[in-house]
Amino acid sequence: MDPKGDPKSDPKNVWICGHSLVYWAESRAKSPEVGMQLGMDPSRVTVGWKGTQGMTWAQLLPMLHQLKVTWPNPDVLIMHLGGNDLSTDAPTDLLASVRKDLTSMRSIFPSCLLVWSYILPRRVWRHSADSQEVDLVRCTVNRRIHSIVSELGGASLTHENIRCGANTGLYRADGVHLSPKGIDVFNLNLQDFLERWEAELTEKS
């Protein structure tokens, strides 16, 4: 008998980790008007959120090691961070760290689907006066990490419907953080991804 019970009857575990957006997204996903976490049936899918304000990529692996002690191993790990690294780290250094850490995650959680949630655009990037230049770096980093994750059998969430133009209403006045409307779009993207993933699982079982 498998010590963890029947794997088909146990709920699947989704971890969503990242910077402050994950923290605010959790609040919206659990709010009365939205209801259950991302619409997932808790008997089938358990969603765990870990958002830390100001988080950088280097903090992710230590966080995962901590969570592993108390949380059941993830079947899906969605990572949303990197934006706080763009205007302070050289892109080559960041990409090297990402490749190394994702390879470690593949060893730590061999049966987990790794999901890269694209770094979102911002009108203002702290520590940089040239927002256009940082945005070009953002696009390149997203593409490169998309490729790295694909090589490891993972997936990516592109959030193409989140744009930072002044008239979209998806951002707060600071041009950095999403508005409640923007967070709802972000969460719907997560929900859509998880629903498709769960449907594929159901087909295979």
Protein backbone atom coordinates (compact mmCIF):
# COMPACT_ATOMS: atom_id res chain seq x y z
CA MET A 1 0.00 0.00 0.00
CA ASP A 2 1.31 3.40 -0.93
CA PRO A 3 2.00 5.23 2.39
CA LYS A 4 0.43 8.37 0.97
CA GLY A 5 -2.80 6.53 0.09
CA ASP A 6 -4.42 6.14 -3.30
CA PRO A 7 -2.75 8.79 -5.50
CA LYS A 8 -5.90 9.14 -7.58
CA SER A 9 -8.10 9.98 -4.60
CA ASP A 10 -5.66 12.33 -2.85
CA PRO A 11 -6.06 15.99 -3.80
CA LYS A 12 -3.37 17.36 -6.07
CA ASN A 13 -1.22 20.07 -4.55
CA VAL A 14 -0.52 23.38 -6.26
CA TRP A 15 2.07 25.76 -4.85
CA ILE A 16 2.04 29.39 -6.02
CA CYS A 17 5.18 31.21 -4.89
CA GLY A 18 6.50 34.69 -5.59
CA HIS A 19 6.66 38.35 -4.67
CA SER A 20 3.95 40.70 -3.41
CA LEU A 21 1.60 40.04 -6.35
CA VAL A 22 1.18 36.46 -5.10
CA TYR A 23 0.33 37.82 -1.65
CA TRP A 24 -2.36 40.13 -3.06
CA ALA A 25 -3.60 37.50 -5.50
CA GLU A 26 -4.18 35.12 -2.60
CA SER A 27 -6.29 37.75 -0.83
CA ARG A 28 -8.44 38.22 -3.94
CA ALA A 29 -8.72 34.48 -4.64
CA LYS A 30 -9.98 33.83 -1.09
CA SER A 31 -12.28 36.84 -0.89
CA PRO A 32 -16.06 36.27 -0.55
CA GLU A 33 -16.85 37.71 -4.00
CA VAL A 34 -14.42 35.33 -5.74
CA GLY A 35 -15.10 32.35 -3.49
CA MET A 36 -13.01 29.19 -3.49
CA GLN A 37 -9.36 29.41 -4.30
CA LEU A 38 -9.23 29.93 -8.06
CA GLY A 39 -12.46 27.96 -8.41
CA MET A 40 -10.70 24.68 -7.61
CA ASP A 41 -12.64 21.92 -5.85
CA PRO A 42 -10.70 21.48 -2.57
CA SER A 43 -11.35 17.74 -2.58
CA ARG A 44 -9.45 17.53 -5.87
CA VAL A 45 -6.93 20.39 -5.79
CA THR A 46 -5.33 22.12 -2.81
CA VAL A 47 -3.87 25.55 -3.60
CA GLY A 48 -1.08 26.82 -1.35
CA TRP A 49 0.08 30.43 -1.67
CA LYS A 50 3.38 31.89 -0.48
CA GLY A 51 3.86 35.54 -1.43
CA THR A 52 6.65 37.64 0.07
CA GLN A 53 6.87 41.37 -0.56
CA GLY A 54 10.08 42.45 -2.30
CA MET A 55 11.07 38.86 -3.00
CA THR A 56 13.93 38.20 -5.41
CA TRP A 57 14.82 35.05 -7.34
CA ALA A 58 17.61 34.09 -4.89
CA GLN A 59 15.02 33.69 -2.13
CA LEU A 60 12.95 31.08 -3.97
CA LEU A 61 14.96 27.90 -3.39
CA PRO A 62 15.39 28.53 0.38
CA MET A 63 11.63 29.21 0.56
CA LEU A 64 10.84 25.91 -1.20
CA HIS A 65 13.08 23.99 1.19
CA GLN A 66 11.19 25.54 4.12
CA LEU A 67 7.77 24.80 2.64
CA LYS A 68 8.76 21.20 1.91
CA VAL A 69 9.00 20.59 5.65
CA THR A 70 5.35 21.46 6.34
CA TRP A 71 3.51 21.32 3.01
CA PRO A 72 2.78 18.17 0.97
CA ASN A 73 4.99 17.99 -2.12
CA PRO A 74 3.62 19.97 -5.08
CA ASP A 75 2.17 18.44 -8.21
CA VAL A 76 2.34 21.92 -9.78
CA LEU A 77 4.72 24.72 -8.77
CA ILE A 78 3.84 28.14 -10.21
CA MET A 79 6.63 30.71 -9.79
CA HIS A 80 5.89 34.40 -10.21
CA LEU A 81 8.95 36.52 -9.52
CA GLY A 82 12.01 37.98 -11.21
CA GLY A 83 10.61 41.49 -11.66
CA ASN A 84 12.51 42.71 -8.61
CA ASP A 85 15.76 41.36 -10.09
CA LEU A 86 15.56 42.98 -13.52
CA SER A 87 16.87 46.45 -12.79
CA THR A 88 19.48 45.33 -10.24
CA ASP A 89 21.00 42.10 -11.65
CA ALA A 90 22.72 41.47 -14.98
CA PRO A 91 20.34 39.38 -17.13
CA THR A 92 23.05 36.76 -17.76
CA ASP A 93 23.56 36.31 -14.00
CA LEU A 94 19.83 36.02 -13.39
CA LEU A 95 19.37 33.47 -16.20
CA ALA A 96 22.31 31.39 -14.93
CA SER A 97 20.76 31.33 -11.45
CA VAL A 98 17.35 30.43 -12.84
CA ARG A 99 18.74 27.52 -14.88
CA LYS A 100 20.70 26.17 -11.91
CA ASP A 101 17.79 26.53 -9.46
CA LEU A 102 15.16 25.07 -11.80
CA THR A 103 17.41 22.06 -12.35
CA SER A 104 17.64 21.67 -8.55
CA MET A 105 13.84 21.90 -8.28
CA ARG A 106 13.49 19.16 -10.88
CA SER A 107 15.61 16.95 -8.56
CA ILE A 108 13.79 17.97 -5.36
CA PHE A 109 10.30 17.51 -6.87
CA PRO A 110 10.83 15.03 -9.74
CA SER A 111 7.12 14.52 -10.54
CA CYS A 112 6.14 18.20 -10.22
CA LEU A 113 5.12 20.37 -13.17
CA LEU A 114 7.26 23.53 -13.03
CA VAL A 115 5.41 26.60 -14.29
CA TRP A 116 7.06 29.93 -15.10
CA SER A 117 4.64 32.83 -14.71
CA TYR A 118 5.93 35.61 -16.99
CA ILE A 119 7.35 38.78 -15.42
CA LEU A 120 4.69 41.42 -16.03
CA PRO A 121 5.35 44.81 -17.65
CA ARG A 122 5.61 47.92 -15.47
CA ARG A 123 5.41 51.59 -16.34
CA VAL A 124 8.04 52.30 -13.68
CA TRP A 125 11.03 50.14 -12.78
CA ARG A 126 12.69 51.00 -9.50
CA HIS A 127 16.47 51.52 -9.67
CA SER A 128 16.25 52.34 -13.39
CA ALA A 129 15.47 55.57 -15.24
CA ASP A 130 15.05 53.81 -18.60
CA SER A 131 11.81 51.83 -18.43
CA GLN A 132 11.92 50.89 -22.12
CA GLU A 133 15.34 49.31 -21.77
CA VAL A 134 14.24 47.27 -18.74
CA ASP A 135 11.14 46.16 -20.61
CA LEU A 136 13.27 44.83 -23.46
CA VAL A 137 15.32 42.90 -20.90
CA ARG A 138 12.06 41.62 -19.35
CA CYS A 139 10.87 40.25 -22.70
CA THR A 140 14.21 38.54 -23.35
CA VAL A 141 14.37 37.04 -19.85
CA ASN A 142 10.80 35.72 -20.15
CA ARG A 143 11.58 34.04 -23.48
CA ARG A 144 14.81 32.49 -22.19
CA ILE A 145 13.22 31.16 -19.00
CA HIS A 146 10.30 29.85 -21.07
CA SER A 147 12.86 27.79 -23.03
CA ILE A 148 14.66 26.57 -19.89
CA VAL A 149 11.39 25.47 -18.29
CA SER A 150 10.32 23.72 -21.51
CA GLU A 151 13.62 21.79 -21.59
CA LEU A 152 12.79 20.55 -18.08
CA GLY A 153 9.31 19.43 -19.16
CA GLY A 154 7.57 22.43 -17.59
CA ALA A 155 5.13 25.05 -18.83
CA SER A 156 4.76 28.84 -18.95
CA LEU A 157 1.96 31.31 -18.27
CA THR A 158 2.41 34.35 -20.52
CA HIS A 159 -0.29 36.75 -19.19
CA GLU A 160 -0.56 38.38 -22.64
CA ASN A 161 -3.82 40.03 -21.55
CA ILE A 162 -2.07 42.14 -18.89
CA ARG A 163 -0.69 45.35 -20.39
CA CYS A 164 0.49 48.42 -18.50
CA GLY A 165 -0.89 51.21 -20.70
CA ALA A 166 -2.37 54.07 -18.71
CA ASN A 167 -5.91 53.32 -19.91
CA THR A 168 -6.11 49.61 -19.16
CA GLY A 169 -7.13 50.09 -15.52
CA LEU A 170 -5.09 47.00 -14.63
CA TYR A 171 -2.41 48.89 -12.69
CA ARG A 172 -2.35 51.10 -9.65
CA ALA A 173 -1.23 54.72 -10.02
CA ASP A 174 2.39 53.77 -9.16
CA GLY A 175 2.70 51.91 -12.48
CA VAL A 176 4.27 48.95 -10.67
CA HIS A 177 1.52 47.05 -8.87
CA LEU A 178 -1.68 45.62 -10.32
CA SER A 179 -5.03 47.15 -9.38
CA PRO A 180 -7.80 44.89 -7.98
CA LYS A 181 -9.06 44.56 -11.57
CA GLY A 182 -5.56 43.59 -12.73
CA ILE A 183 -5.20 41.04 -9.94
CA ASP A 184 -8.51 39.48 -10.98
CA VAL A 185 -7.20 39.09 -14.55
CA PHE A 186 -3.99 37.55 -13.19
CA ASN A 187 -6.00 35.09 -11.07
CA LEU A 188 -8.26 34.17 -13.98
CA ASN A 189 -5.13 33.34 -15.99
CA LEU A 190 -3.98 31.06 -13.16
CA GLN A 191 -7.43 29.50 -12.91
CA ASP A 192 -7.62 28.88 -16.66
CA PHE A 193 -4.21 27.19 -16.58
CA LEU A 194 -5.14 24.96 -13.62
CA GLU A 195 -8.49 24.00 -15.13
CA ARG A 196 -6.77 22.88 -18.34
CA TRP A 197 -4.13 21.00 -16.33
CA GLU A 198 -6.80 19.26 -14.24
CA ALA A 199 -8.79 18.35 -17.37
CA GLU A 200 -5.68 16.70 -18.87
CA LEU A 201 -5.16 14.74 -15.66
CA THR A 202 -8.77 13.53 -15.75
CA GLU A 203 -8.35 12.38 -19.36
CA LYS A 204 -5.23 10.39 -18.48
CA SER A 205 -6.73 8.70 -15.40
